[in-house]
Amino acid sequence: MRSALILGVLLSVLLASFAFSEDTSGKFGVSLEGGWYLPELGELHDDFTYGGTFSYHFLPWLFGEIKASMFYDRIPEFTKTEYRQSYYTHILDGVKYPAGHSSNEVQADYEDVITKITPVDFNVGFSFLNDQKINPYISLGGTFFSARVDELPKMNDTTWGFNGGLGAEFFLAKLFEDRADLALVMDFRYRWGKTNFGLGYRSMSIEYYSISDTERLKKNTYKKTELEDMPDDLDLGGINGTLGLKIYF
C-alpha cells in the first residue's frame, strides 16, 4: 500500500503538468479519499481507511474543513465477567415484603471482535501558492473519535483528541461548463486520542411478575461487568495517509 501512495505522488506530479490553477476563494469543496492508517503504539493493526472532507475557502489562503474517515480493527481476545445481584420484593395488596436475594457470576470469552473507529476532524487550514498548479496546505484542529463494538454495544465509547496534517492539491480539469473544478488531493495527517474500553460498566434493571390481581413479585437486578485482558486506554493515535479526488463549486 505504501508503494501505491508513492506511485500516486508521481502520478500527481505528472498530471499537474497538464493542470491549471484556480482561485478557490468563496468556494465549497467535497472530496472522497482512501488510504492507510499507521497506528502509533502498535495497539491497533495497520488498516485501510476511507472517508472524505467538506470544506469552505474564506480567503485564497484560509479555509475551514470537516474531515471524516473510518477504519476497522480487531481486538484479539478478552474475557467479559458479569456479576449479578438480584433482590426480590413480594407485593401483596400494595404492601411490600422482602423475599430474599440471589447472586451469580457469568463469564464469556471473545476473540477477534471487530472494532469500528470513526475519527471526525474539525480543522482550520492555510494554503500556499494559490496561483500555481500545485497548491500545498497545512491544517490542524480537534478530533472527535467514535469507537464502536457492535457485538457489545455497551462498550461503545467517544472521546476528543487533536490532529494536524499537511498535503497538496493538483488541479486537473474544469467540470459542468466551467462551474466546478476537479482536483487530486493527497493528505498526510497525525491524530491523537484514547478510548476507555477496559473499565467495564454497571447497569440496573427492574422487572415485575404478576402472580394474581393483587399479588406481584418485584425483581431488582444490579450488574457489574468487567473486561479482562482489555487495555484500559486504547491509543487511537497514528498517521493517516490518503489520496482522493476533490470537487470545488
Protein backbone atom coordinates (compact mmCIF):
# COMPACT_ATOMS: atom_id res chain seq x y z
CA MET A 1 0.00 0.00 0.00
CA ARG A 2 2.93 2.35 0.68
CA SER A 3 4.18 1.69 -2.86
CA ALA A 4 0.75 2.70 -4.12
CA LEU A 5 0.99 6.02 -2.26
CA ILE A 6 4.40 6.73 -3.81
CA LEU A 7 3.01 5.87 -7.24
CA GLY A 8 0.12 8.22 -6.57
CA VAL A 9 2.52 11.05 -5.79
CA LEU A 10 4.44 10.52 -9.05
CA LEU A 11 1.19 10.35 -10.99
CA SER A 12 0.05 13.56 -9.33
CA VAL A 13 3.17 15.42 -10.41
CA LEU A 14 2.73 14.17 -13.98
CA LEU A 15 -0.90 15.21 -14.11
CA ALA A 16 -0.08 18.58 -12.63
CA SER A 17 1.95 19.43 -15.71
CA PHE A 18 -1.30 19.38 -17.70
CA ALA A 19 -3.35 21.06 -14.98
CA PHE A 20 -4.44 24.62 -14.38
CA SER A 21 -4.52 26.92 -11.41
CA GLU A 22 -7.78 28.20 -9.96
CA ASP A 23 -8.73 30.63 -7.20
CA THR A 24 -10.74 28.67 -4.60
CA SER A 25 -11.78 31.72 -2.56
CA GLY A 26 -15.50 31.66 -1.73
CA LYS A 27 -15.93 28.06 -2.92
CA PHE A 28 -17.06 24.86 -1.24
CA GLY A 29 -15.08 21.65 -1.64
CA VAL A 30 -16.11 17.99 -1.33
CA SER A 31 -13.69 15.07 -1.55
CA LEU A 32 -13.63 11.28 -1.39
CA GLU A 33 -10.38 9.73 -0.18
CA GLY A 34 -8.84 6.37 0.65
CA GLY A 35 -5.52 5.26 2.08
CA TRP A 36 -3.76 3.63 5.00
CA TYR A 37 -3.75 4.15 8.78
CA LEU A 38 -0.48 3.51 10.64
CA PRO A 39 -1.07 3.31 14.43
CA GLU A 40 1.48 4.94 16.69
CA LEU A 41 1.94 2.45 19.53
CA GLY A 42 1.08 -0.86 17.92
CA GLU A 43 -2.15 -1.39 19.88
CA LEU A 44 -4.07 -1.34 16.60
CA HIS A 45 -3.15 -3.04 13.34
CA ASP A 46 -2.35 -1.21 10.11
CA ASP A 47 -5.58 -0.95 8.18
CA PHE A 48 -7.18 0.56 5.08
CA THR A 49 -9.14 3.73 5.75
CA TYR A 50 -11.64 5.69 3.68
CA GLY A 51 -13.60 8.90 4.08
CA GLY A 52 -13.97 12.42 2.78
CA THR A 53 -13.98 16.13 3.53
CA PHE A 54 -16.29 19.11 3.28
CA SER A 55 -14.54 22.49 3.19
CA TYR A 56 -15.08 26.17 2.52
CA HIS A 57 -12.40 28.68 1.48
CA PHE A 58 -12.97 32.01 3.21
CA LEU A 59 -9.90 33.52 1.53
CA PRO A 60 -7.48 32.18 -1.11
CA TRP A 61 -5.16 31.11 1.73
CA LEU A 62 -7.65 30.35 4.57
CA PHE A 63 -10.20 27.53 4.77
CA GLY A 64 -12.20 25.51 7.25
CA GLU A 65 -12.93 21.80 6.86
CA ILE A 66 -14.68 18.80 8.35
CA LYS A 67 -12.78 15.60 7.59
CA ALA A 68 -14.35 12.23 8.43
CA SER A 69 -12.85 8.78 7.98
CA MET A 70 -13.40 5.21 9.11
CA PHE A 71 -11.34 2.10 9.64
CA TYR A 72 -11.85 -1.30 11.25
CA ASP A 73 -9.70 -3.18 13.72
CA ARG A 74 -9.96 -6.43 15.67
CA ILE A 75 -9.48 -6.88 19.41
CA PRO A 76 -7.62 -10.24 19.61
CA GLU A 77 -9.23 -11.68 22.75
CA PHE A 78 -10.68 -10.71 26.11
CA THR A 79 -12.95 -12.12 28.82
CA LYS A 80 -16.18 -10.47 29.92
CA THR A 81 -17.21 -11.24 33.51
CA GLU A 82 -20.67 -10.19 34.64
CA TYR A 83 -21.57 -10.15 38.33
CA ARG A 84 -25.30 -10.15 39.06
CA GLN A 85 -27.14 -9.48 42.31
CA SER A 86 -30.93 -9.75 42.38
CA TYR A 87 -33.21 -8.59 45.20
CA TYR A 88 -36.83 -9.75 45.35
CA THR A 89 -39.80 -7.95 46.88
CA HIS A 90 -43.20 -9.58 47.40
CA ILE A 91 -46.05 -7.07 46.90
CA LEU A 92 -49.47 -8.07 48.28
CA ASP A 93 -52.34 -5.55 48.21
CA GLY A 94 -49.77 -2.75 47.89
CA VAL A 95 -47.76 -3.87 50.92
CA LYS A 96 -44.10 -4.80 50.26
CA TYR A 97 -42.34 -7.75 51.91
CA PRO A 98 -38.66 -8.70 51.41
CA ALA A 99 -38.45 -12.00 49.53
CA GLY A 100 -34.73 -12.78 49.55
CA HIS A 101 -31.89 -12.25 47.10
CA SER A 102 -29.57 -14.19 44.82
CA SER A 103 -26.18 -13.64 43.16
CA ASN A 104 -24.26 -15.28 40.36
CA GLU A 105 -21.28 -14.77 38.07
CA VAL A 106 -21.24 -15.29 34.29
CA GLN A 107 -18.12 -15.36 32.14
CA ALA A 108 -17.80 -15.23 28.35
CA ASP A 109 -14.68 -15.33 26.17
CA TYR A 110 -14.44 -13.26 22.99
CA GLU A 111 -11.96 -13.47 20.12
CA ASP A 112 -11.33 -11.27 17.06
CA VAL A 113 -14.04 -8.77 17.96
CA ILE A 114 -14.45 -6.17 15.20
CA THR A 115 -13.98 -2.57 16.34
CA LYS A 116 -15.19 0.30 14.12
CA ILE A 117 -13.27 3.55 14.69
CA THR A 118 -14.51 6.83 13.21
CA PRO A 119 -12.45 10.00 13.65
CA VAL A 120 -14.05 13.33 12.63
CA ASP A 121 -11.70 16.32 12.35
CA PHE A 122 -12.77 19.95 12.72
CA ASN A 123 -9.92 21.95 11.21
CA VAL A 124 -8.73 25.34 10.12
CA GLY A 125 -6.27 25.31 7.22
CA PHE A 126 -3.81 27.51 5.40
CA SER A 127 -2.88 27.04 1.75
CA PHE A 128 0.12 28.33 -0.18
CA LEU A 129 0.98 29.01 -3.85
CA ASN A 130 -2.68 29.72 -4.57
CA ASP A 131 -1.98 30.87 -8.12
CA GLN A 132 0.01 27.77 -9.02
CA LYS A 133 -0.95 24.39 -10.46
CA ILE A 134 0.10 22.66 -7.25
CA ASN A 135 -1.40 24.05 -4.05
CA PRO A 136 0.19 22.78 -0.78
CA TYR A 137 -1.56 23.30 2.55
CA ILE A 138 -1.44 22.62 6.28
CA SER A 139 -4.41 22.16 8.64
CA LEU A 140 -4.99 21.39 12.31
CA GLY A 141 -7.78 21.19 14.86
CA GLY A 142 -9.77 18.96 17.20
CA THR A 143 -10.83 15.37 16.51
CA PHE A 144 -13.96 13.59 17.73
CA PHE A 145 -13.42 9.81 17.94
CA SER A 146 -16.20 7.23 17.98
CA ALA A 147 -15.11 3.67 18.81
CA ARG A 148 -17.84 1.04 18.43
CA VAL A 149 -18.05 -2.69 19.12
CA ASP A 150 -21.32 -3.80 17.54
CA GLU A 151 -21.16 -7.17 19.32
CA LEU A 152 -21.08 -5.41 22.71
CA PRO A 153 -22.99 -2.11 22.36
CA LYS A 154 -22.28 -1.01 25.94
CA MET A 155 -18.57 -0.93 25.13
CA ASN A 156 -19.09 1.91 22.64
CA ASP A 157 -17.10 4.98 23.60
CA THR A 158 -16.49 8.53 22.36
CA THR A 159 -13.61 10.85 23.09
CA TRP A 160 -11.90 14.02 21.89
CA GLY A 161 -8.33 14.41 20.63
CA PHE A 162 -6.45 16.55 18.17
CA ASN A 163 -4.93 16.30 14.70
CA GLY A 164 -2.54 18.09 12.39
CA GLY A 165 -1.55 17.44 8.83
CA LEU A 166 -0.25 18.65 5.51
CA GLY A 167 -0.98 17.89 1.90
CA ALA A 168 -1.25 19.20 -1.63
CA GLU A 169 -3.92 19.66 -4.28
CA PHE A 170 -3.32 19.19 -8.02
CA PHE A 171 -5.95 20.85 -10.20
CA LEU A 172 -6.94 18.61 -13.10
CA ALA A 173 -9.91 19.95 -15.06
CA LYS A 174 -12.98 22.14 -15.18
CA LEU A 175 -16.39 20.46 -14.98
CA PHE A 176 -20.01 21.32 -15.72
CA GLU A 177 -19.28 24.12 -18.19
CA ASP A 178 -16.56 25.67 -16.00
CA ARG A 179 -18.81 25.85 -12.93
CA ALA A 180 -16.74 23.33 -10.93
CA ASP A 181 -13.08 22.38 -10.59
CA LEU A 182 -11.66 18.86 -10.21
CA ALA A 183 -8.51 18.34 -8.15
CA LEU A 184 -6.41 15.41 -6.98
CA VAL A 185 -5.73 15.72 -3.24
CA MET A 186 -3.04 14.00 -1.17
CA ASP A 187 -3.16 14.27 2.64
CA PHE A 188 -0.89 13.09 5.47
CA ARG A 189 -2.31 13.51 8.97
CA TYR A 190 -1.38 12.68 12.56
CA ARG A 191 -4.16 12.08 15.10
CA TRP A 192 -4.04 11.60 18.87
CA GLY A 193 -6.79 10.18 21.08
CA LYS A 194 -7.56 7.47 23.64
CA THR A 195 -10.63 5.40 24.42
CA ASN A 196 -11.51 3.54 27.62
CA PHE A 197 -12.83 0.07 26.82
CA GLY A 198 -11.24 -1.82 29.71
CA LEU A 199 -13.00 -0.01 32.57
CA GLY A 200 -16.18 -2.10 32.31
CA TYR A 201 -19.64 -0.79 33.10
CA ARG A 202 -22.57 -1.10 35.53
CA SER A 203 -26.31 -1.37 34.95
CA MET A 204 -29.55 -1.86 36.87
CA SER A 205 -32.92 -3.25 35.81
CA ILE A 206 -36.35 -3.69 37.44
CA GLU A 207 -38.84 -6.41 36.48
CA TYR A 208 -42.34 -7.18 37.77
CA TYR A 209 -44.01 -10.61 37.71
CA SER A 210 -47.78 -10.84 38.20
CA ILE A 211 -48.95 -13.70 40.40
CA SER A 212 -52.60 -12.63 40.73
CA ASP A 213 -54.67 -9.46 40.52
CA THR A 214 -53.48 -8.37 43.98
CA GLU A 215 -50.08 -10.05 44.17
CA ARG A 216 -46.83 -9.24 42.35
CA LEU A 217 -43.13 -10.01 42.61
CA LYS A 218 -40.59 -7.22 42.03
CA LYS A 219 -37.03 -8.08 40.96
CA ASN A 220 -34.19 -5.53 41.16
CA THR A 221 -31.07 -6.73 39.33
CA TYR A 222 -27.69 -4.99 39.61
CA LYS A 223 -24.99 -5.93 37.10
CA LYS A 224 -21.29 -5.15 37.19
CA THR A 225 -19.29 -6.03 34.10
CA GLU A 226 -15.50 -6.27 33.96
CA LEU A 227 -13.35 -6.78 30.88
CA GLU A 228 -10.15 -8.74 31.41
CA ASP A 229 -7.14 -8.60 29.03
CA MET A 230 -8.53 -5.36 27.59
CA PRO A 231 -6.34 -2.20 27.63
CA ASP A 232 -7.81 0.49 29.88
CA ASP A 233 -6.63 3.18 27.46
CA LEU A 234 -6.68 2.10 23.82
CA ASP A 235 -4.48 4.52 21.89
CA LEU A 236 -6.15 5.65 18.67
CA GLY A 237 -3.29 7.88 17.57
CA GLY A 238 -1.40 7.34 14.37
CA ILE A 239 -0.52 8.58 10.90
CA ASN A 240 -3.15 8.63 8.19
CA GLY A 241 -2.14 8.86 4.52
CA THR A 242 -4.85 9.26 1.86
CA LEU A 243 -5.27 10.02 -1.83
CA GLY A 244 -8.52 11.14 -3.43
CA LEU A 245 -10.49 13.44 -5.72
CA LYS A 246 -11.96 16.80 -4.76
CA ILE A 247 -14.55 18.98 -6.46
CA TYR A 248 -14.76 22.75 -5.90
CA PHE A 249 -18.04 24.52 -6.67
